[in-house]
Amino acid sequence: MAPKIPSFLKNHYFIALVAFGIWITVFDQNNLIRRYHLIRSYRALEREKTFYEDEIRKDSTMLHSLEADSAELERFAREEYLMKRDHEDVFLIIPEER
């Protein structure tokens, strides 16, 4: 006695649906696996875009304050670039790492 084949495996629509699902998941140029990786990279790029927009906004604010106030410009130059006035000594104190 041969094993009986279930009726849903004889159904042509079911076979076509399974074949279509396999084709879309694995073989197609725009398959689901590739789309998943593209969506992940898109989200990472969106986060990066947001980060850089925030940095541009912050830097624009800093630039505006430096252009408007010469005392702020001098403070920034002395702190960030270790610039000094003539006849002035600058000592850097670097804390020890533990």
PDB file of N, CA and C in Angstrom:
ATOM      1  N   MET A   1       0.839  -1.169   0.000  1.00  0.00           N
ATOM      2  CA  MET A   1       0.000   0.000   0.000  1.00  0.00           C
ATOM      3  C   MET A   1       0.891   1.242   0.000  1.00  0.00           C
ATOM      4  N   ALA A   2       0.706   2.134  -0.964  1.00  0.00           N
ATOM      5  CA  ALA A   2       1.513   3.345  -1.098  1.00  0.00           C
ATOM      6  C   ALA A   2       0.986   4.410  -0.138  1.00  0.00           C
ATOM      7  N   PRO A   3       1.904   5.228   0.379  1.00  0.00           N
ATOM      8  CA  PRO A   3       1.427   6.301   1.272  1.00  0.00           C
ATOM      9  C   PRO A   3       0.569   7.292   0.497  1.00  0.00           C
ATOM     10  N   LYS A   4      -0.474   7.762   1.144  1.00  0.00           N
ATOM     11  CA  LYS A   4      -1.421   8.656   0.491  1.00  0.00           C
ATOM     12  C   LYS A   4      -0.884  10.096   0.526  1.00  0.00           C
ATOM     13  N   ILE A   5      -0.925  10.797  -0.590  1.00  0.00           N
ATOM     14  CA  ILE A   5      -0.461  12.186  -0.699  1.00  0.00           C
ATOM     15  C   ILE A   5      -1.588  13.095  -0.205  1.00  0.00           C
ATOM     16  N   PRO A   6      -1.283  14.023   0.712  1.00  0.00           N
ATOM     17  CA  PRO A   6      -2.327  14.933   1.205  1.00  0.00           C
ATOM     18  C   PRO A   6      -2.913  15.761   0.062  1.00  0.00           C
ATOM     19  N   SER A   7      -4.155  16.110   0.202  1.00  0.00           N
ATOM     20  CA  SER A   7      -4.866  16.799  -0.883  1.00  0.00           C
ATOM     21  C   SER A   7      -4.312  18.203  -1.137  1.00  0.00           C
ATOM     22  N   PHE A   8      -3.819  18.891  -0.103  1.00  0.00           N
ATOM     23  CA  PHE A   8      -3.315  20.244  -0.326  1.00  0.00           C
ATOM     24  C   PHE A   8      -2.037  20.238  -1.149  1.00  0.00           C
ATOM     25  N   LEU A   9      -1.272  19.112  -1.171  1.00  0.00           N
ATOM     26  CA  LEU A   9      -0.086  19.018  -2.011  1.00  0.00           C
ATOM     27  C   LEU A   9      -0.447  18.761  -3.469  1.00  0.00           C
ATOM     28  N   LYS A  10      -1.648  18.325  -3.734  1.00  0.00           N
ATOM     29  CA  LYS A  10      -2.123  18.116  -5.101  1.00  0.00           C
ATOM     30  C   LYS A  10      -2.710  19.402  -5.687  1.00  0.00           C
ATOM     31  N   ASN A  11      -3.019  20.363  -4.832  1.00  0.00           N
ATOM     32  CA  ASN A  11      -3.654  21.602  -5.249  1.00  0.00           C
ATOM     33  C   ASN A  11      -2.633  22.458  -6.018  1.00  0.00           C
ATOM     34  N   HIS A  12      -2.961  22.834  -7.245  1.00  0.00           N
ATOM     35  CA  HIS A  12      -2.058  23.622  -8.088  1.00  0.00           C
ATOM     36  C   HIS A  12      -1.839  25.030  -7.532  1.00  0.00           C
ATOM     37  N   TYR A  13      -2.836  25.594  -6.914  1.00  0.00           N
ATOM     38  CA  TYR A  13      -2.698  26.932  -6.342  1.00  0.00           C
ATOM     39  C   TYR A  13      -1.714  26.928  -5.179  1.00  0.00           C
ATOM     40  N   PHE A  14      -1.788  25.913  -4.361  1.00  0.00           N
ATOM     41  CA  PHE A  14      -0.856  25.802  -3.235  1.00  0.00           C
ATOM     42  C   PHE A  14       0.577  25.652  -3.738  1.00  0.00           C
ATOM     43  N   ILE A  15       0.793  24.819  -4.728  1.00  0.00           N
ATOM     44  CA  ILE A  15       2.133  24.611  -5.287  1.00  0.00           C
ATOM     45  C   ILE A  15       2.653  25.906  -5.902  1.00  0.00           C
ATOM     46  N   ALA A  16       1.793  26.633  -6.604  1.00  0.00           N
ATOM     47  CA  ALA A  16       2.189  27.906  -7.211  1.00  0.00           C
ATOM     48  C   ALA A  16       2.527  28.930  -6.131  1.00  0.00           C
ATOM     49  N   LEU A  17       1.745  28.961  -5.061  1.00  0.00           N
ATOM     50  CA  LEU A  17       2.002  29.900  -3.963  1.00  0.00           C
ATOM     51  C   LEU A  17       3.326  29.593  -3.275  1.00  0.00           C
ATOM     52  N   VAL A  18       3.614  28.335  -3.036  1.00  0.00           N
ATOM     53  CA  VAL A  18       4.885  27.958  -2.402  1.00  0.00           C
ATOM     54  C   VAL A  18       6.052  28.298  -3.314  1.00  0.00           C
ATOM     55  N   ALA A  19       5.922  28.001  -4.598  1.00  0.00           N
ATOM     56  CA  ALA A  19       6.989  28.326  -5.555  1.00  0.00           C
ATOM     57  C   ALA A  19       7.213  29.834  -5.618  1.00  0.00           C
ATOM     58  N   PHE A  20       6.127  30.604  -5.636  1.00  0.00           N
ATOM     59  CA  PHE A  20       6.246  32.058  -5.656  1.00  0.00           C
ATOM     60  C   PHE A  20       6.923  32.569  -4.386  1.00  0.00           C
ATOM     61  N   GLY A  21       6.549  32.015  -3.241  1.00  0.00           N
ATOM     62  CA  GLY A  21       7.163  32.429  -1.975  1.00  0.00           C
ATOM     63  C   GLY A  21       8.656  32.144  -1.945  1.00  0.00           C
ATOM     64  N   ILE A  22       9.044  30.991  -2.425  1.00  0.00           N
ATOM     65  CA  ILE A  22      10.477  30.655  -2.472  1.00  0.00           C
ATOM     66  C   ILE A  22      11.197  31.582  -3.443  1.00  0.00           C
ATOM     67  N   TRP A  23      10.583  31.835  -4.585  1.00  0.00           N
ATOM     68  CA  TRP A  23      11.209  32.711  -5.572  1.00  0.00           C
ATOM     69  C   TRP A  23      11.413  34.123  -5.006  1.00  0.00           C
ATOM     70  N   ILE A  24      10.411  34.677  -4.378  1.00  0.00           N
ATOM     71  CA  ILE A  24      10.501  36.039  -3.825  1.00  0.00           C
ATOM     72  C   ILE A  24      11.502  36.092  -2.668  1.00  0.00           C
ATOM     73  N   THR A  25      11.547  35.067  -1.875  1.00  0.00           N
ATOM     74  CA  THR A  25      12.425  35.076  -0.706  1.00  0.00           C
ATOM     75  C   THR A  25      13.892  34.919  -1.077  1.00  0.00           C
ATOM     76  N   VAL A  26      14.201  34.118  -2.079  1.00  0.00           N
ATOM     77  CA  VAL A  26      15.593  33.749  -2.325  1.00  0.00           C
ATOM     78  C   VAL A  26      16.125  34.202  -3.680  1.00  0.00           C
ATOM     79  N   PHE A  27      15.407  33.954  -4.760  1.00  0.00           N
ATOM     80  CA  PHE A  27      15.986  34.073  -6.090  1.00  0.00           C
ATOM     81  C   PHE A  27      15.780  35.412  -6.781  1.00  0.00           C
ATOM     82  N   ASP A  28      14.794  36.148  -6.429  1.00  0.00           N
ATOM     83  CA  ASP A  28      14.482  37.392  -7.129  1.00  0.00           C
ATOM     84  C   ASP A  28      15.569  38.438  -6.904  1.00  0.00           C
ATOM     85  N   GLN A  29      15.713  39.380  -7.851  1.00  0.00           N
ATOM     86  CA  GLN A  29      16.719  40.430  -7.724  1.00  0.00           C
ATOM     87  C   GLN A  29      16.452  41.307  -6.494  1.00  0.00           C
ATOM     88  N   ASN A  30      15.204  41.558  -6.211  1.00  0.00           N
ATOM     89  CA  ASN A  30      14.819  42.341  -5.035  1.00  0.00           C
ATOM     90  C   ASN A  30      14.225  41.414  -3.984  1.00  0.00           C
ATOM     91  N   ASN A  31      14.955  40.388  -3.614  1.00  0.00           N
ATOM     92  CA  ASN A  31      14.418  39.392  -2.685  1.00  0.00           C
ATOM     93  C   ASN A  31      14.269  39.960  -1.276  1.00  0.00           C
ATOM     94  N   LEU A  32      13.565  39.242  -0.450  1.00  0.00           N
ATOM     95  CA  LEU A  32      13.268  39.728   0.896  1.00  0.00           C
ATOM     96  C   LEU A  32      14.511  39.869   1.758  1.00  0.00           C
ATOM     97  N   ILE A  33      15.477  39.009   1.562  1.00  0.00           N
ATOM     98  CA  ILE A  33      16.712  39.087   2.355  1.00  0.00           C
ATOM     99  C   ILE A  33      17.464  40.377   2.021  1.00  0.00           C
ATOM    100  N   ARG A  34      17.562  40.676   0.730  1.00  0.00           N
ATOM    101  CA  ARG A  34      18.243  41.904   0.310  1.00  0.00           C
ATOM    102  C   ARG A  34      17.479  43.136   0.799  1.00  0.00           C
ATOM    103  N   ARG A  35      16.157  43.078   0.696  1.00  0.00           N
ATOM    104  CA  ARG A  35      15.351  44.212   1.165  1.00  0.00           C
ATOM    105  C   ARG A  35      15.537  44.450   2.656  1.00  0.00           C
ATOM    106  N   TYR A  36      15.658  43.385   3.432  1.00  0.00           N
ATOM    107  CA  TYR A  36      15.888  43.515   4.875  1.00  0.00           C
ATOM    108  C   TYR A  36      17.206  44.237   5.138  1.00  0.00           C
ATOM    109  N   HIS A  37      18.262  43.857   4.413  1.00  0.00           N
ATOM    110  CA  HIS A  37      19.567  44.504   4.601  1.00  0.00           C
ATOM    111  C   HIS A  37      19.525  45.967   4.138  1.00  0.00           C
ATOM    112  N   LEU A  38      18.801  46.222   3.071  1.00  0.00           N
ATOM    113  CA  LEU A  38      18.684  47.600   2.599  1.00  0.00           C
ATOM    114  C   LEU A  38      17.914  48.470   3.595  1.00  0.00           C
ATOM    115  N   ILE A  39      16.886  47.934   4.196  1.00  0.00           N
ATOM    116  CA  ILE A  39      16.119  48.691   5.197  1.00  0.00           C
ATOM    117  C   ILE A  39      16.981  48.986   6.414  1.00  0.00           C
ATOM    118  N   ARG A  40      17.783  47.993   6.836  1.00  0.00           N
ATOM    119  CA  ARG A  40      18.674  48.221   7.977  1.00  0.00           C
ATOM    120  C   ARG A  40      19.695  49.314   7.668  1.00  0.00           C
ATOM    121  N   SER A  41      20.289  49.281   6.480  1.00  0.00           N
ATOM    122  CA  SER A  41      21.268  50.309   6.133  1.00  0.00           C
ATOM    123  C   SER A  41      20.600  51.675   5.976  1.00  0.00           C
ATOM    124  N   TYR A  42      19.366  51.699   5.468  1.00  0.00           N
ATOM    125  CA  TYR A  42      18.631  52.951   5.350  1.00  0.00           C
ATOM    126  C   TYR A  42      18.391  53.576   6.720  1.00  0.00           C
ATOM    127  N   ARG A  43      18.004  52.754   7.685  1.00  0.00           N
ATOM    128  CA  ARG A  43      17.775  53.272   9.041  1.00  0.00           C
ATOM    129  C   ARG A  43      19.072  53.788   9.661  1.00  0.00           C
ATOM    130  N   ALA A  44      20.179  53.094   9.416  1.00  0.00           N
ATOM    131  CA  ALA A  44      21.474  53.557   9.929  1.00  0.00           C
ATOM    132  C   ALA A  44      21.842  54.894   9.294  1.00  0.00           C
ATOM    133  N   LEU A  45      21.592  55.047   8.005  1.00  0.00           N
ATOM    134  CA  LEU A  45      21.879  56.309   7.328  1.00  0.00           C
ATOM    135  C   LEU A  45      20.979  57.430   7.825  1.00  0.00           C
ATOM    136  N   GLU A  46      19.736  57.113   8.146  1.00  0.00           N
ATOM    137  CA  GLU A  46      18.835  58.124   8.706  1.00  0.00           C
ATOM    138  C   GLU A  46      19.335  58.604  10.073  1.00  0.00           C
ATOM    139  N   ARG A  47      19.808  57.666  10.905  1.00  0.00           N
ATOM    140  CA  ARG A  47      20.369  58.059  12.206  1.00  0.00           C
ATOM    141  C   ARG A  47      21.614  58.930  12.012  1.00  0.00           C
ATOM    142  N   GLU A  48      22.445  58.557  11.044  1.00  0.00           N
ATOM    143  CA  GLU A  48      23.648  59.337  10.761  1.00  0.00           C
ATOM    144  C   GLU A  48      23.271  60.734  10.264  1.00  0.00           C
ATOM    145  N   LYS A  49      22.265  60.809   9.417  1.00  0.00           N
ATOM    146  CA  LYS A  49      21.810  62.100   8.901  1.00  0.00           C
ATOM    147  C   LYS A  49      21.325  62.993  10.044  1.00  0.00           C
ATOM    148  N   THR A  50      20.557  62.443  10.958  1.00  0.00           N
ATOM    149  CA  THR A  50      20.067  63.201  12.104  1.00  0.00           C
ATOM    150  C   THR A  50      21.229  63.695  12.957  1.00  0.00           C
ATOM    151  N   PHE A  51      22.212  62.815  13.181  1.00  0.00           N
ATOM    152  CA  PHE A  51      23.383  63.200  13.969  1.00  0.00           C
ATOM    153  C   PHE A  51      24.100  64.380  13.319  1.00  0.00           C
ATOM    154  N   TYR A  52      24.340  64.293  12.008  1.00  0.00           N
ATOM    155  CA  TYR A  52      25.076  65.361  11.334  1.00  0.00           C
ATOM    156  C   TYR A  52      24.264  66.644  11.242  1.00  0.00           C
ATOM    157  N   GLU A  53      22.954  66.551  11.116  1.00  0.00           N
ATOM    158  CA  GLU A  53      22.127  67.764  11.141  1.00  0.00           C
ATOM    159  C   GLU A  53      22.223  68.448  12.497  1.00  0.00           C
ATOM    160  N   ASP A  54      22.222  67.673  13.579  1.00  0.00           N
ATOM    161  CA  ASP A  54      22.374  68.250  14.913  1.00  0.00           C
ATOM    162  C   ASP A  54      23.748  68.892  15.072  1.00  0.00           C
ATOM    163  N   GLU A  55      24.783  68.230  14.557  1.00  0.00           N
ATOM    164  CA  GLU A  55      26.137  68.794  14.641  1.00  0.00           C
ATOM    165  C   GLU A  55      26.241  70.090  13.831  1.00  0.00           C
ATOM    166  N   ILE A  56      25.621  70.137  12.666  1.00  0.00           N
ATOM    167  CA  ILE A  56      25.644  71.353  11.850  1.00  0.00           C
ATOM    168  C   ILE A  56      24.931  72.484  12.569  1.00  0.00           C
ATOM    169  N   ARG A  57      23.805  72.161  13.185  1.00  0.00           N
ATOM    170  CA  ARG A  57      23.056  73.176  13.932  1.00  0.00           C
ATOM    171  C   ARG A  57      23.882  73.711  15.101  1.00  0.00           C
ATOM    172  N   LYS A  58      24.544  72.798  15.827  1.00  0.00           N
ATOM    173  CA  LYS A  58      25.362  73.207  16.967  1.00  0.00           C
ATOM    174  C   LYS A  58      26.556  74.050  16.506  1.00  0.00           C
ATOM    175  N   ASP A  59      27.211  73.621  15.426  1.00  0.00           N
ATOM    176  CA  ASP A  59      28.367  74.365  14.924  1.00  0.00           C
ATOM    177  C   ASP A  59      27.975  75.728  14.363  1.00  0.00           C
ATOM    178  N   SER A  60      26.803  75.807  13.743  1.00  0.00           N
ATOM    179  CA  SER A  60      26.339  77.092  13.229  1.00  0.00           C
ATOM    180  C   SER A  60      26.083  78.069  14.367  1.00  0.00           C
ATOM    181  N   THR A  61      25.518  77.564  15.448  1.00  0.00           N
ATOM    182  CA  THR A  61      25.294  78.411  16.624  1.00  0.00           C
ATOM    183  C   THR A  61      26.618  78.896  17.199  1.00  0.00           C
ATOM    184  N   MET A  62      27.588  77.995  17.289  1.00  0.00           N
ATOM    185  CA  MET A  62      28.916  78.361  17.804  1.00  0.00           C
ATOM    186  C   MET A  62      29.589  79.377  16.881  1.00  0.00           C
ATOM    187  N   LEU A  63      29.491  79.168  15.571  1.00  0.00           N
ATOM    188  CA  LEU A  63      30.088  80.094  14.617  1.00  0.00           C
ATOM    189  C   LEU A  63      29.468  81.473  14.736  1.00  0.00           C
ATOM    190  N   HIS A  64      28.149  81.525  14.872  1.00  0.00           N
ATOM    191  CA  HIS A  64      27.479  82.813  15.011  1.00  0.00           C
ATOM    192  C   HIS A  64      27.940  83.527  16.289  1.00  0.00           C
ATOM    193  N   SER A  65      28.068  82.791  17.384  1.00  0.00           N
ATOM    194  CA  SER A  65      28.501  83.435  18.631  1.00  0.00           C
ATOM    195  C   SER A  65      29.967  83.870  18.537  1.00  0.00           C
ATOM    196  N   LEU A  66      30.789  83.131  17.810  1.00  0.00           N
ATOM    197  CA  LEU A  66      32.196  83.529  17.657  1.00  0.00           C
ATOM    198  C   LEU A  66      32.334  84.751  16.759  1.00  0.00           C
ATOM    199  N   GLU A  67      31.509  84.855  15.724  1.00  0.00           N
ATOM    200  CA  GLU A  67      31.571  86.023  14.846  1.00  0.00           C
ATOM    201  C   GLU A  67      31.030  87.275  15.524  1.00  0.00           C
ATOM    202  N   ALA A  68      30.108  87.119  16.460  1.00  0.00           N
ATOM    203  CA  ALA A  68      29.464  88.267  17.093  1.00  0.00           C
ATOM    204  C   ALA A  68      30.264  88.815  18.273  1.00  0.00           C
ATOM    205  N   ASP A  69      31.016  87.976  18.967  1.00  0.00           N
ATOM    206  CA  ASP A  69      31.671  88.396  20.204  1.00  0.00           C
ATOM    207  C   ASP A  69      33.165  88.089  20.131  1.00  0.00           C
ATOM    208  N   SER A  70      34.001  89.134  20.164  1.00  0.00           N
ATOM    209  CA  SER A  70      35.450  88.919  20.061  1.00  0.00           C
ATOM    210  C   SER A  70      36.013  88.279  21.330  1.00  0.00           C
ATOM    211  N   ALA A  71      35.397  88.519  22.479  1.00  0.00           N
ATOM    212  CA  ALA A  71      35.869  87.887  23.712  1.00  0.00           C
ATOM    213  C   ALA A  71      35.603  86.379  23.656  1.00  0.00           C
ATOM    214  N   GLU A  72      34.488  86.003  23.094  1.00  0.00           N
ATOM    215  CA  GLU A  72      34.168  84.580  22.931  1.00  0.00           C
ATOM    216  C   GLU A  72      35.136  83.921  21.946  1.00  0.00           C
ATOM    217  N   LEU A  73      35.493  84.645  20.883  1.00  0.00           N
ATOM    218  CA  LEU A  73      36.461  84.129  19.909  1.00  0.00           C
ATOM    219  C   LEU A  73      37.824  83.913  20.560  1.00  0.00           C
ATOM    220  N   GLU A  74      38.242  84.861  21.388  1.00  0.00           N
ATOM    221  CA  GLU A  74      39.528  84.711  22.077  1.00  0.00           C
ATOM    222  C   GLU A  74      39.494  83.535  23.056  1.00  0.00           C
ATOM    223  N   ARG A  75      38.408  83.379  23.798  1.00  0.00           N
ATOM    224  CA  ARG A  75      38.278  82.267  24.723  1.00  0.00           C
ATOM    225  C   ARG A  75      38.334  80.931  23.989  1.00  0.00           C
ATOM    226  N   PHE A  76      37.635  80.866  22.880  1.00  0.00           N
ATOM    227  CA  PHE A  76      37.630  79.639  22.097  1.00  0.00           C
ATOM    228  C   PHE A  76      39.033  79.310  21.572  1.00  0.00           C
ATOM    229  N   ALA A  77      39.726  80.297  21.045  1.00  0.00           N
ATOM    230  CA  ALA A  77      41.071  80.075  20.510  1.00  0.00           C
ATOM    231  C   ALA A  77      42.034  79.650  21.613  1.00  0.00           C
ATOM    232  N   ARG A  78      41.914  80.246  22.780  1.00  0.00           N
ATOM    233  CA  ARG A  78      42.816  79.899  23.887  1.00  0.00           C
ATOM    234  C   ARG A  78      42.532  78.488  24.406  1.00  0.00           C
ATOM    235  N   GLU A  79      41.264  78.095  24.480  1.00  0.00           N
ATOM    236  CA  GLU A  79      40.927  76.777  25.016  1.00  0.00           C
ATOM    237  C   GLU A  79      41.144  75.658  24.004  1.00  0.00           C
ATOM    238  N   GLU A  80      40.704  75.848  22.773  1.00  0.00           N
ATOM    239  CA  GLU A  80      40.742  74.766  21.793  1.00  0.00           C
ATOM    240  C   GLU A  80      42.096  74.624  21.106  1.00  0.00           C
ATOM    241  N   TYR A  81      42.749  75.738  20.825  1.00  0.00           N
ATOM    242  CA  TYR A  81      43.994  75.690  20.060  1.00  0.00           C
ATOM    243  C   TYR A  81      45.221  76.086  20.872  1.00  0.00           C
ATOM    244  N   LEU A  82      45.028  76.249  22.173  1.00  0.00           N
ATOM    245  CA  LEU A  82      46.113  76.558  23.104  1.00  0.00           C
ATOM    246  C   LEU A  82      46.910  77.783  22.670  1.00  0.00           C
ATOM    247  N   MET A  83      46.218  78.782  22.139  1.00  0.00           N
ATOM    248  CA  MET A  83      46.879  80.023  21.743  1.00  0.00           C
ATOM    249  C   MET A  83      47.108  80.871  22.984  1.00  0.00           C
ATOM    250  N   LYS A  84      48.113  81.723  22.883  1.00  0.00           N
ATOM    251  CA  LYS A  84      48.445  82.558  24.037  1.00  0.00           C
ATOM    252  C   LYS A  84      48.797  83.942  23.559  1.00  0.00           C
ATOM    253  N   ARG A  85      48.780  84.848  24.505  1.00  0.00           N
ATOM    254  CA  ARG A  85      49.192  86.213  24.207  1.00  0.00           C
ATOM    255  C   ARG A  85      50.710  86.295  24.291  1.00  0.00           C
ATOM    256  N   ASP A  86      51.266  87.392  23.764  1.00  0.00           N
ATOM    257  CA  ASP A  86      52.711  87.605  23.886  1.00  0.00           C
ATOM    258  C   ASP A  86      53.083  87.740  25.356  1.00  0.00           C
ATOM    259  N   HIS A  87      54.236  87.255  25.719  1.00  0.00           N
ATOM    260  CA  HIS A  87      54.778  87.309  27.083  1.00  0.00           C
ATOM    261  C   HIS A  87      53.860  86.595  28.077  1.00  0.00           C
ATOM    262  N   GLU A  88      53.299  85.491  27.653  1.00  0.00           N
ATOM    263  CA  GLU A  88      52.423  84.726  28.523  1.00  0.00           C
ATOM    264  C   GLU A  88      52.800  83.246  28.389  1.00  0.00           C
ATOM    265  N   ASP A  89      52.816  82.549  29.498  1.00  0.00           N
ATOM    266  CA  ASP A  89      53.118  81.128  29.480  1.00  0.00           C
ATOM    267  C   ASP A  89      51.841  80.337  29.743  1.00  0.00           C
ATOM    268  N   VAL A  90      51.728  79.211  29.075  1.00  0.00           N
ATOM    269  CA  VAL A  90      50.560  78.350  29.226  1.00  0.00           C
ATOM    270  C   VAL A  90      51.041  77.014  29.765  1.00  0.00           C
ATOM    271  N   PHE A  91      50.426  76.583  30.846  1.00  0.00           N
ATOM    272  CA  PHE A  91      50.763  75.291  31.436  1.00  0.00           C
ATOM    273  C   PHE A  91      49.555  74.371  31.295  1.00  0.00           C
ATOM    274  N   LEU A  92      49.798  73.183  30.768  1.00  0.00           N
ATOM    275  CA  LEU A  92      48.746  72.185  30.644  1.00  0.00           C
ATOM    276  C   LEU A  92      48.827  71.232  31.812  1.00  0.00           C
ATOM    277  N   ILE A  93      47.725  71.025  32.468  1.00  0.00           N
ATOM    278  CA  ILE A  93      47.655  70.061  33.567  1.00  0.00           C
ATOM    279  C   ILE A  93      46.816  68.902  33.072  1.00  0.00           C
ATOM    280  N   ILE A  94      47.457  67.760  32.885  1.00  0.00           N
ATOM    281  CA  ILE A  94      46.772  66.564  32.398  1.00  0.00           C
ATOM    282  C   ILE A  94      46.616  65.594  33.553  1.00  0.00           C
ATOM    283  N   PRO A  95      45.379  65.246  33.916  1.00  0.00           N
ATOM    284  CA  PRO A  95      45.184  64.338  35.059  1.00  0.00           C
ATOM    285  C   PRO A  95      45.689  62.926  34.726  1.00  0.00           C
ATOM    286  N   GLU A  96      46.179  62.253  35.767  1.00  0.00           N
ATOM    287  CA  GLU A  96      46.674  60.894  35.593  1.00  0.00           C
ATOM    288  C   GLU A  96      45.514  59.957  35.382  1.00  0.00           C
ATOM    289  N   GLU A  97      45.747  58.932  34.558  1.00  0.00           N
ATOM    290  CA  GLU A  97      44.739  57.893  34.379  1.00  0.00           C
ATOM    291  C   GLU A  97      44.990  56.809  35.403  1.00  0.00           C
ATOM    292  N   ARG A  98      43.913  56.303  35.972  1.00  0.00           N
ATOM    293  CA  ARG A  98      44.082  55.275  36.990  1.00  0.00           C
ATOM    294  C   ARG A  98      43.791  53.929  36.434  1.00  0.00           C
TER     295      ARG A  98
END
